[in-house]
Amino acid sequence: MNEQIKELAEQARLLTGWPVGEIEYQKFAILIIKKCRDIVSDTRDMAIEEEWNVDEAMSTAMYDIEEHFGVK
């Protein structure tokens, strides 16, 4: 399991060995969404600073999200 995903799963209490339910899965989804939002926000700030066009900013954000979560 990718270390970043494992860290979020631990925060959501999915890896305790105890039965998990809807609350834990919702927490996990929320943590993933928040991390993606943070990555996009960082990319937006960089894009403004470096005067990128929208395509450059979006491509960079997509790449950074995939890299962060180890998705290829």
PDB file of N, CA and C in Angstrom:
ATOM      1  N   MET A   1       0.851  -1.170   0.000  1.00  0.00           N
ATOM      2  CA  MET A   1       0.000   0.000   0.000  1.00  0.00           C
ATOM      3  C   MET A   1       0.899   1.236   0.000  1.00  0.00           C
ATOM      4  N   ASN A   2       0.580   2.203  -0.854  1.00  0.00           N
ATOM      5  CA  ASN A   2       1.305   3.461  -0.910  1.00  0.00           C
ATOM      6  C   ASN A   2       1.324   4.101   0.477  1.00  0.00           C
ATOM      7  N   GLU A   3       2.472   4.634   0.863  1.00  0.00           N
ATOM      8  CA  GLU A   3       2.636   5.191   2.209  1.00  0.00           C
ATOM      9  C   GLU A   3       1.652   6.336   2.483  1.00  0.00           C
ATOM     10  N   GLN A   4       1.373   7.162   1.469  1.00  0.00           N
ATOM     11  CA  GLN A   4       0.449   8.277   1.662  1.00  0.00           C
ATOM     12  C   GLN A   4      -0.977   7.777   1.895  1.00  0.00           C
ATOM     13  N   ILE A   5      -1.376   6.762   1.149  1.00  0.00           N
ATOM     14  CA  ILE A   5      -2.711   6.184   1.323  1.00  0.00           C
ATOM     15  C   ILE A   5      -2.796   5.481   2.676  1.00  0.00           C
ATOM     16  N   LYS A   6      -1.731   4.775   3.040  1.00  0.00           N
ATOM     17  CA  LYS A   6      -1.708   4.088   4.329  1.00  0.00           C
ATOM     18  C   LYS A   6      -1.855   5.086   5.476  1.00  0.00           C
ATOM     19  N   GLU A   7      -1.174   6.219   5.373  1.00  0.00           N
ATOM     20  CA  GLU A   7      -1.267   7.236   6.417  1.00  0.00           C
ATOM     21  C   GLU A   7      -2.705   7.748   6.576  1.00  0.00           C
ATOM     22  N   LEU A   8      -3.382   8.003   5.451  1.00  0.00           N
ATOM     23  CA  LEU A   8      -4.767   8.458   5.517  1.00  0.00           C
ATOM     24  C   LEU A   8      -5.682   7.361   6.058  1.00  0.00           C
ATOM     25  N   ALA A   9      -5.430   6.118   5.667  1.00  0.00           N
ATOM     26  CA  ALA A   9      -6.228   4.992   6.172  1.00  0.00           C
ATOM     27  C   ALA A   9      -6.073   4.862   7.690  1.00  0.00           C
ATOM     28  N   GLU A  10      -4.855   5.078   8.175  1.00  0.00           N
ATOM     29  CA  GLU A  10      -4.628   5.023   9.623  1.00  0.00           C
ATOM     30  C   GLU A  10      -5.378   6.156  10.326  1.00  0.00           C
ATOM     31  N   GLN A  11      -5.345   7.364   9.743  1.00  0.00           N
ATOM     32  CA  GLN A  11      -6.056   8.489  10.340  1.00  0.00           C
ATOM     33  C   GLN A  11      -7.560   8.228  10.385  1.00  0.00           C
ATOM     34  N   ALA A  12      -8.058   7.508   9.385  1.00  0.00           N
ATOM     35  CA  ALA A  12      -9.496   7.194   9.333  1.00  0.00           C
ATOM     36  C   ALA A  12      -9.838   5.970  10.181  1.00  0.00           C
ATOM     37  N   ARG A  13      -8.837   5.376  10.808  1.00  0.00           N
ATOM     38  CA  ARG A  13      -8.987   4.203  11.680  1.00  0.00           C
ATOM     39  C   ARG A  13      -9.456   2.963  10.916  1.00  0.00           C
ATOM     40  N   LEU A  14      -8.961   2.831   9.676  1.00  0.00           N
ATOM     41  CA  LEU A  14      -9.307   1.651   8.881  1.00  0.00           C
ATOM     42  C   LEU A  14      -8.379   0.476   9.143  1.00  0.00           C
ATOM     43  N   LEU A  15      -7.226   0.728   9.750  1.00  0.00           N
ATOM     44  CA  LEU A  15      -6.212  -0.314   9.908  1.00  0.00           C
ATOM     45  C   LEU A  15      -6.021  -0.749  11.354  1.00  0.00           C
ATOM     46  N   THR A  16      -7.063  -0.650  12.143  1.00  0.00           N
ATOM     47  CA  THR A  16      -6.946  -0.979  13.566  1.00  0.00           C
ATOM     48  C   THR A  16      -7.082  -2.469  13.842  1.00  0.00           C
ATOM     49  N   GLY A  17      -7.604  -3.210  12.881  1.00  0.00           N
ATOM     50  CA  GLY A  17      -7.881  -4.620  13.112  1.00  0.00           C
ATOM     51  C   GLY A  17      -9.290  -4.853  13.631  1.00  0.00           C
ATOM     52  N   TRP A  18      -9.966  -3.785  13.963  1.00  0.00           N
ATOM     53  CA  TRP A  18     -11.349  -3.858  14.426  1.00  0.00           C
ATOM     54  C   TRP A  18     -12.270  -3.680  13.231  1.00  0.00           C
ATOM     55  N   PRO A  19     -13.496  -4.159  13.338  1.00  0.00           N
ATOM     56  CA  PRO A  19     -14.451  -3.946  12.242  1.00  0.00           C
ATOM     57  C   PRO A  19     -14.642  -2.446  11.994  1.00  0.00           C
ATOM     58  N   VAL A  20     -14.768  -2.109  10.720  1.00  0.00           N
ATOM     59  CA  VAL A  20     -14.984  -0.706  10.353  1.00  0.00           C
ATOM     60  C   VAL A  20     -16.333  -0.572   9.671  1.00  0.00           C
ATOM     61  N   GLY A  21     -16.836   0.628   9.683  1.00  0.00           N
ATOM     62  CA  GLY A  21     -18.143   0.873   9.082  1.00  0.00           C
ATOM     63  C   GLY A  21     -18.130   2.117   8.224  1.00  0.00           C
ATOM     64  N   GLU A  22     -19.313   2.589   7.965  1.00  0.00           N
ATOM     65  CA  GLU A  22     -19.504   3.723   7.065  1.00  0.00           C
ATOM     66  C   GLU A  22     -18.750   4.969   7.536  1.00  0.00           C
ATOM     67  N   ILE A  23     -18.712   5.206   8.824  1.00  0.00           N
ATOM     68  CA  ILE A  23     -18.060   6.412   9.358  1.00  0.00           C
ATOM     69  C   ILE A  23     -16.572   6.418   8.994  1.00  0.00           C
ATOM     70  N   GLU A  24     -15.915   5.289   9.145  1.00  0.00           N
ATOM     71  CA  GLU A  24     -14.481   5.221   8.831  1.00  0.00           C
ATOM     72  C   GLU A  24     -14.234   5.409   7.337  1.00  0.00           C
ATOM     73  N   TYR A  25     -15.075   4.805   6.508  1.00  0.00           N
ATOM     74  CA  TYR A  25     -14.905   4.961   5.063  1.00  0.00           C
ATOM     75  C   TYR A  25     -15.184   6.402   4.634  1.00  0.00           C
ATOM     76  N   GLN A  26     -16.163   7.039   5.230  1.00  0.00           N
ATOM     77  CA  GLN A  26     -16.441   8.438   4.928  1.00  0.00           C
ATOM     78  C   GLN A  26     -15.263   9.322   5.333  1.00  0.00           C
ATOM     79  N   LYS A  27     -14.708   9.058   6.499  1.00  0.00           N
ATOM     80  CA  LYS A  27     -13.546   9.811   6.975  1.00  0.00           C
ATOM     81  C   LYS A  27     -12.380   9.651   6.005  1.00  0.00           C
ATOM     82  N   PHE A  28     -12.149   8.430   5.534  1.00  0.00           N
ATOM     83  CA  PHE A  28     -11.079   8.156   4.579  1.00  0.00           C
ATOM     84  C   PHE A  28     -11.296   8.949   3.292  1.00  0.00           C
ATOM     85  N   ALA A  29     -12.501   8.937   2.782  1.00  0.00           N
ATOM     86  CA  ALA A  29     -12.829   9.681   1.554  1.00  0.00           C
ATOM     87  C   ALA A  29     -12.623  11.182   1.772  1.00  0.00           C
ATOM     88  N   ILE A  30     -13.042  11.680   2.904  1.00  0.00           N
ATOM     89  CA  ILE A  30     -12.885  13.106   3.202  1.00  0.00           C
ATOM     90  C   ILE A  30     -11.409  13.480   3.268  1.00  0.00           C
ATOM     91  N   LEU A  31     -10.596  12.640   3.889  1.00  0.00           N
ATOM     92  CA  LEU A  31      -9.165  12.918   3.979  1.00  0.00           C
ATOM     93  C   LEU A  31      -8.513  12.940   2.598  1.00  0.00           C
ATOM     94  N   ILE A  32      -8.922  12.020   1.709  1.00  0.00           N
ATOM     95  CA  ILE A  32      -8.384  12.012   0.351  1.00  0.00           C
ATOM     96  C   ILE A  32      -8.785  13.283  -0.383  1.00  0.00           C
ATOM     97  N   ILE A  33     -10.040  13.665  -0.269  1.00  0.00           N
ATOM     98  CA  ILE A  33     -10.517  14.875  -0.943  1.00  0.00           C
ATOM     99  C   ILE A  33      -9.782  16.106  -0.422  1.00  0.00           C
ATOM    100  N   LYS A  34      -9.591  16.201   0.879  1.00  0.00           N
ATOM    101  CA  LYS A  34      -8.889  17.346   1.447  1.00  0.00           C
ATOM    102  C   LYS A  34      -7.442  17.405   0.965  1.00  0.00           C
ATOM    103  N   LYS A  35      -6.792  16.257   0.865  1.00  0.00           N
ATOM    104  CA  LYS A  35      -5.407  16.239   0.380  1.00  0.00           C
ATOM    105  C   LYS A  35      -5.351  16.686  -1.076  1.00  0.00           C
ATOM    106  N   CYS A  36      -6.276  16.211  -1.895  1.00  0.00           N
ATOM    107  CA  CYS A  36      -6.337  16.644  -3.301  1.00  0.00           C
ATOM    108  C   CYS A  36      -6.576  18.144  -3.390  1.00  0.00           C
ATOM    109  N   ARG A  37      -7.478  18.652  -2.559  1.00  0.00           N
ATOM    110  CA  ARG A  37      -7.758  20.086  -2.526  1.00  0.00           C
ATOM    111  C   ARG A  37      -6.503  20.878  -2.173  1.00  0.00           C
ATOM    112  N   ASP A  38      -5.735  20.382  -1.205  1.00  0.00           N
ATOM    113  CA  ASP A  38      -4.508  21.069  -0.801  1.00  0.00           C
ATOM    114  C   ASP A  38      -3.483  21.093  -1.933  1.00  0.00           C
ATOM    115  N   ILE A  39      -3.369  19.977  -2.640  1.00  0.00           N
ATOM    116  CA  ILE A  39      -2.432  19.904  -3.762  1.00  0.00           C
ATOM    117  C   ILE A  39      -2.848  20.878  -4.860  1.00  0.00           C
ATOM    118  N   VAL A  40      -4.136  20.910  -5.183  1.00  0.00           N
ATOM    119  CA  VAL A  40      -4.637  21.832  -6.209  1.00  0.00           C
ATOM    120  C   VAL A  40      -4.418  23.284  -5.770  1.00  0.00           C
ATOM    121  N   SER A  41      -4.646  23.579  -4.517  1.00  0.00           N
ATOM    122  CA  SER A  41      -4.444  24.929  -3.996  1.00  0.00           C
ATOM    123  C   SER A  41      -2.980  25.341  -4.123  1.00  0.00           C
ATOM    124  N   ASP A  42      -2.075  24.438  -3.772  1.00  0.00           N
ATOM    125  CA  ASP A  42      -0.644  24.734  -3.905  1.00  0.00           C
ATOM    126  C   ASP A  42      -0.272  24.983  -5.363  1.00  0.00           C
ATOM    127  N   THR A  43      -0.831  24.174  -6.260  1.00  0.00           N
ATOM    128  CA  THR A  43      -0.560  24.344  -7.688  1.00  0.00           C
ATOM    129  C   THR A  43      -1.105  25.676  -8.173  1.00  0.00           C
ATOM    130  N   ARG A  44      -2.303  26.047  -7.717  1.00  0.00           N
ATOM    131  CA  ARG A  44      -2.883  27.333  -8.104  1.00  0.00           C
ATOM    132  C   ARG A  44      -1.978  28.485  -7.685  1.00  0.00           C
ATOM    133  N   ASP A  45      -1.475  28.418  -6.469  1.00  0.00           N
ATOM    134  CA  ASP A  45      -0.592  29.474  -5.980  1.00  0.00           C
ATOM    135  C   ASP A  45       0.669  29.571  -6.836  1.00  0.00           C
ATOM    136  N   MET A  46       1.243  28.417  -7.180  1.00  0.00           N
ATOM    137  CA  MET A  46       2.430  28.388  -8.025  1.00  0.00           C
ATOM    138  C   MET A  46       2.110  28.931  -9.420  1.00  0.00           C
ATOM    139  N   ALA A  47       0.947  28.558  -9.952  1.00  0.00           N
ATOM    140  CA  ALA A  47       0.543  28.999 -11.287  1.00  0.00           C
ATOM    141  C   ALA A  47       0.384  30.514 -11.343  1.00  0.00           C
ATOM    142  N   ILE A  48      -0.188  31.086 -10.301  1.00  0.00           N
ATOM    143  CA  ILE A  48      -0.353  32.541 -10.246  1.00  0.00           C
ATOM    144  C   ILE A  48       1.018  33.215 -10.197  1.00  0.00           C
ATOM    145  N   GLU A  49       1.869  32.678  -9.338  1.00  0.00           N
ATOM    146  CA  GLU A  49       3.200  33.251  -9.156  1.00  0.00           C
ATOM    147  C   GLU A  49       4.032  33.181 -10.436  1.00  0.00           C
ATOM    148  N   GLU A  50       3.903  32.059 -11.162  1.00  0.00           N
ATOM    149  CA  GLU A  50       4.725  31.846 -12.358  1.00  0.00           C
ATOM    150  C   GLU A  50       3.982  32.156 -13.660  1.00  0.00           C
ATOM    151  N   GLU A  51       2.769  32.670 -13.536  1.00  0.00           N
ATOM    152  CA  GLU A  51       1.959  33.084 -14.678  1.00  0.00           C
ATOM    153  C   GLU A  51       1.739  31.945 -15.694  1.00  0.00           C
ATOM    154  N   TRP A  52       1.342  30.783 -15.183  1.00  0.00           N
ATOM    155  CA  TRP A  52       1.024  29.662 -16.051  1.00  0.00           C
ATOM    156  C   TRP A  52      -0.352  29.860 -16.660  1.00  0.00           C
ATOM    157  N   ASN A  53      -0.586  29.190 -17.780  1.00  0.00           N
ATOM    158  CA  ASN A  53      -1.945  29.179 -18.319  1.00  0.00           C
ATOM    159  C   ASN A  53      -2.730  28.059 -17.631  1.00  0.00           C
ATOM    160  N   VAL A  54      -3.997  27.995 -17.887  1.00  0.00           N
ATOM    161  CA  VAL A  54      -4.868  27.024 -17.220  1.00  0.00           C
ATOM    162  C   VAL A  54      -4.430  25.588 -17.513  1.00  0.00           C
ATOM    163  N   ASP A  55      -4.074  25.295 -18.751  1.00  0.00           N
ATOM    164  CA  ASP A  55      -3.659  23.935 -19.115  1.00  0.00           C
ATOM    165  C   ASP A  55      -2.427  23.497 -18.334  1.00  0.00           C
ATOM    166  N   GLU A  56      -1.459  24.392 -18.192  1.00  0.00           N
ATOM    167  CA  GLU A  56      -0.254  24.061 -17.426  1.00  0.00           C
ATOM    168  C   GLU A  56      -0.592  23.795 -15.963  1.00  0.00           C
ATOM    169  N   ALA A  57      -1.431  24.623 -15.406  1.00  0.00           N
ATOM    170  CA  ALA A  57      -1.806  24.463 -14.000  1.00  0.00           C
ATOM    171  C   ALA A  57      -2.568  23.165 -13.779  1.00  0.00           C
ATOM    172  N   MET A  58      -3.528  22.866 -14.643  1.00  0.00           N
ATOM    173  CA  MET A  58      -4.320  21.646 -14.482  1.00  0.00           C
ATOM    174  C   MET A  58      -3.462  20.395 -14.679  1.00  0.00           C
ATOM    175  N   SER A  59      -2.607  20.405 -15.671  1.00  0.00           N
ATOM    176  CA  SER A  59      -1.729  19.261 -15.919  1.00  0.00           C
ATOM    177  C   SER A  59      -0.811  19.017 -14.727  1.00  0.00           C
ATOM    178  N   THR A  60      -0.285  20.089 -14.176  1.00  0.00           N
ATOM    179  CA  THR A  60       0.595  19.967 -13.012  1.00  0.00           C
ATOM    180  C   THR A  60      -0.169  19.440 -11.803  1.00  0.00           C
ATOM    181  N   ALA A  61      -1.362  19.949 -11.558  1.00  0.00           N
ATOM    182  CA  ALA A  61      -2.161  19.480 -10.425  1.00  0.00           C
ATOM    183  C   ALA A  61      -2.495  17.998 -10.571  1.00  0.00           C
ATOM    184  N   MET A  62      -2.901  17.584 -11.762  1.00  0.00           N
ATOM    185  CA  MET A  62      -3.219  16.161 -11.981  1.00  0.00           C
ATOM    186  C   MET A  62      -1.992  15.292 -11.750  1.00  0.00           C
ATOM    187  N   TYR A  63      -0.859  15.721 -12.270  1.00  0.00           N
ATOM    188  CA  TYR A  63       0.388  14.973 -12.096  1.00  0.00           C
ATOM    189  C   TYR A  63       0.753  14.885 -10.611  1.00  0.00           C
ATOM    190  N   ASP A  64       0.667  16.014  -9.910  1.00  0.00           N
ATOM    191  CA  ASP A  64       1.039  16.036  -8.489  1.00  0.00           C
ATOM    192  C   ASP A  64       0.145  15.135  -7.644  1.00  0.00           C
ATOM    193  N   ILE A  65      -1.150  15.096  -7.950  1.00  0.00           N
ATOM    194  CA  ILE A  65      -2.064  14.209  -7.220  1.00  0.00           C
ATOM    195  C   ILE A  65      -1.703  12.749  -7.479  1.00  0.00           C
ATOM    196  N   GLU A  66      -1.470  12.409  -8.733  1.00  0.00           N
ATOM    197  CA  GLU A  66      -1.093  11.033  -9.068  1.00  0.00           C
ATOM    198  C   GLU A  66       0.215  10.640  -8.391  1.00  0.00           C
ATOM    199  N   GLU A  67       1.189  11.536  -8.415  1.00  0.00           N
ATOM    200  CA  GLU A  67       2.472  11.255  -7.778  1.00  0.00           C
ATOM    201  C   GLU A  67       2.309  11.085  -6.268  1.00  0.00           C
ATOM    202  N   HIS A  68       1.542  11.946  -5.653  1.00  0.00           N
ATOM    203  CA  HIS A  68       1.366  11.895  -4.194  1.00  0.00           C
ATOM    204  C   HIS A  68       0.786  10.554  -3.758  1.00  0.00           C
ATOM    205  N   PHE A  69      -0.206  10.070  -4.512  1.00  0.00           N
ATOM    206  CA  PHE A  69      -0.861   8.826  -4.142  1.00  0.00           C
ATOM    207  C   PHE A  69      -0.270   7.597  -4.828  1.00  0.00           C
ATOM    208  N   GLY A  70       0.782   7.793  -5.643  1.00  0.00           N
ATOM    209  CA  GLY A  70       1.442   6.658  -6.288  1.00  0.00           C
ATOM    210  C   GLY A  70       0.599   6.010  -7.376  1.00  0.00           C
ATOM    211  N   VAL A  71      -0.225   6.806  -8.037  1.00  0.00           N
ATOM    212  CA  VAL A  71      -1.095   6.298  -9.098  1.00  0.00           C
ATOM    213  C   VAL A  71      -0.442   6.586 -10.436  1.00  0.00           C
ATOM    214  N   LYS A  72      -0.398   5.583 -11.296  1.00  0.00           N
ATOM    215  CA  LYS A  72       0.223   5.780 -12.622  1.00  0.00           C
ATOM    216  C   LYS A  72      -0.768   5.451 -13.683  1.00  0.00           C
TER     217      LYS A  72
END
